[in-house]
Amino acid sequence: MTDDLVFLVGNLGFPIAVSVYLLIRVEGRLEAINGALKELKHNISRLL
């Protein structure tokens, strides 16, 4: 039982850590894209 748990954590721990890291990076980029879209919307509304 303990060996199975250690095996699962050893095999799944790395993919989980990579997934969390990538989600954090993607979140920052999504926030930047959201800000750029808001700025674009504001600039377009000023032109019309």
N, C-alpha and C. Protein backbone atom coordinates (compact mmCIF):
# COMPACT_ATOMS: atom_id res chain seq x y z
N MET A 1 0.83 -1.20 0.00
CA MET A 1 0.00 0.00 0.00
C MET A 1 0.87 1.26 0.00
N THR A 2 1.84 1.32 0.89
CA THR A 2 2.72 2.48 0.97
C THR A 2 3.57 2.61 -0.28
N ASP A 3 4.02 1.48 -0.81
CA ASP A 3 4.81 1.52 -2.04
C ASP A 3 3.99 2.07 -3.20
N ASP A 4 2.72 1.71 -3.24
CA ASP A 4 1.84 2.23 -4.30
C ASP A 4 1.68 3.73 -4.19
N LEU A 5 1.52 4.21 -2.97
CA LEU A 5 1.36 5.65 -2.75
C LEU A 5 2.63 6.40 -3.15
N VAL A 6 3.77 5.89 -2.76
CA VAL A 6 5.05 6.51 -3.13
C VAL A 6 5.21 6.51 -4.65
N PHE A 7 4.84 5.41 -5.28
CA PHE A 7 4.92 5.31 -6.74
C PHE A 7 4.02 6.35 -7.41
N LEU A 8 2.80 6.49 -6.92
CA LEU A 8 1.87 7.47 -7.51
C LEU A 8 2.36 8.90 -7.33
N VAL A 9 2.84 9.23 -6.15
CA VAL A 9 3.34 10.59 -5.90
C VAL A 9 4.58 10.85 -6.74
N GLY A 10 5.44 9.86 -6.86
CA GLY A 10 6.66 10.02 -7.65
C GLY A 10 6.36 10.21 -9.12
N ASN A 11 5.38 9.50 -9.62
CA ASN A 11 5.05 9.61 -11.04
C ASN A 11 4.12 10.77 -11.35
N LEU A 12 3.25 11.11 -10.43
CA LEU A 12 2.29 12.18 -10.69
C LEU A 12 2.73 13.53 -10.14
N GLY A 13 3.67 13.54 -9.24
CA GLY A 13 4.11 14.81 -8.65
C GLY A 13 4.73 15.74 -9.66
N PHE A 14 5.58 15.22 -10.53
CA PHE A 14 6.22 16.07 -11.53
C PHE A 14 5.21 16.65 -12.52
N PRO A 15 4.31 15.84 -13.10
CA PRO A 15 3.32 16.43 -14.01
C PRO A 15 2.42 17.47 -13.33
N ILE A 16 2.09 17.22 -12.07
CA ILE A 16 1.27 18.19 -11.35
C ILE A 16 2.04 19.49 -11.16
N ALA A 17 3.30 19.41 -10.79
CA ALA A 17 4.12 20.60 -10.59
C ALA A 17 4.27 21.38 -11.90
N VAL A 18 4.48 20.68 -12.99
CA VAL A 18 4.60 21.35 -14.29
C VAL A 18 3.28 22.01 -14.68
N SER A 19 2.19 21.33 -14.43
CA SER A 19 0.87 21.89 -14.75
C SER A 19 0.59 23.16 -13.96
N VAL A 20 0.92 23.14 -12.68
CA VAL A 20 0.72 24.34 -11.84
C VAL A 20 1.59 25.48 -12.34
N TYR A 21 2.83 25.19 -12.66
CA TYR A 21 3.74 26.21 -13.16
C TYR A 21 3.20 26.82 -14.46
N LEU A 22 2.74 25.99 -15.37
CA LEU A 22 2.23 26.50 -16.64
C LEU A 22 0.94 27.28 -16.45
N LEU A 23 0.08 26.84 -15.54
CA LEU A 23 -1.15 27.60 -15.27
C LEU A 23 -0.86 28.98 -14.71
N ILE A 24 0.15 29.08 -13.87
CA ILE A 24 0.53 30.38 -13.31
C ILE A 24 1.04 31.29 -14.42
N ARG A 25 1.87 30.74 -15.31
CA ARG A 25 2.40 31.54 -16.42
C ARG A 25 1.28 31.97 -17.36
N VAL A 26 0.36 31.07 -17.67
CA VAL A 26 -0.74 31.38 -18.59
C VAL A 26 -1.64 32.45 -17.97
N GLU A 27 -1.86 32.37 -16.67
CA GLU A 27 -2.72 33.34 -16.00
C GLU A 27 -2.17 34.76 -16.18
N GLY A 28 -0.87 34.92 -16.02
CA GLY A 28 -0.27 36.25 -16.19
C GLY A 28 -0.42 36.76 -17.61
N ARG A 29 -0.27 35.88 -18.57
CA ARG A 29 -0.42 36.28 -19.97
C ARG A 29 -1.86 36.60 -20.30
N LEU A 30 -2.79 35.86 -19.74
CA LEU A 30 -4.21 36.14 -19.97
C LEU A 30 -4.59 37.50 -19.40
N GLU A 31 -4.04 37.85 -18.25
CA GLU A 31 -4.30 39.16 -17.67
C GLU A 31 -3.74 40.27 -18.57
N ALA A 32 -2.58 40.04 -19.15
CA ALA A 32 -1.99 41.03 -20.05
C ALA A 32 -2.84 41.17 -21.32
N ILE A 33 -3.32 40.07 -21.84
CA ILE A 33 -4.18 40.11 -23.03
C ILE A 33 -5.48 40.82 -22.71
N ASN A 34 -6.04 40.54 -21.55
CA ASN A 34 -7.27 41.20 -21.13
C ASN A 34 -7.08 42.71 -21.03
N GLY A 35 -5.97 43.14 -20.47
CA GLY A 35 -5.69 44.57 -20.38
C GLY A 35 -5.52 45.20 -21.76
N ALA A 36 -4.86 44.51 -22.66
CA ALA A 36 -4.68 45.03 -24.01
C ALA A 36 -6.02 45.13 -24.74
N LEU A 37 -6.89 44.15 -24.54
CA LEU A 37 -8.21 44.20 -25.18
C LEU A 37 -9.05 45.35 -24.63
N LYS A 38 -8.96 45.59 -23.33
CA LYS A 38 -9.69 46.73 -22.75
C LYS A 38 -9.17 48.04 -23.31
N GLU A 39 -7.86 48.16 -23.45
CA GLU A 39 -7.28 49.38 -24.02
C GLU A 39 -7.69 49.54 -25.47
N LEU A 40 -7.70 48.46 -26.22
CA LEU A 40 -8.12 48.50 -27.62
C LEU A 40 -9.58 48.93 -27.73
N LYS A 41 -10.43 48.38 -26.87
CA LYS A 41 -11.85 48.75 -26.87
C LYS A 41 -12.01 50.24 -26.58
N HIS A 42 -11.25 50.74 -25.62
CA HIS A 42 -11.31 52.16 -25.27
C HIS A 42 -10.87 53.02 -26.45
N ASN A 43 -9.77 52.64 -27.11
CA ASN A 43 -9.26 53.42 -28.24
C ASN A 43 -10.23 53.40 -29.42
N ILE A 44 -10.85 52.26 -29.67
CA ILE A 44 -11.82 52.17 -30.76
C ILE A 44 -13.03 53.03 -30.46
N SER A 45 -13.49 53.02 -29.22
CA SER A 45 -14.66 53.82 -28.86
C SER A 45 -14.37 55.31 -28.98
N ARG A 46 -13.10 55.73 -28.76
CA ARG A 46 -12.75 57.14 -28.93
C ARG A 46 -12.76 57.53 -30.40
N LEU A 47 -12.42 56.60 -31.28
CA LEU A 47 -12.39 56.91 -32.71
C LEU A 47 -13.78 57.03 -33.32
N LEU A 48 -14.74 56.33 -32.75
CA LEU A 48 -16.09 56.32 -33.33
C LEU A 48 -16.94 57.43 -32.83
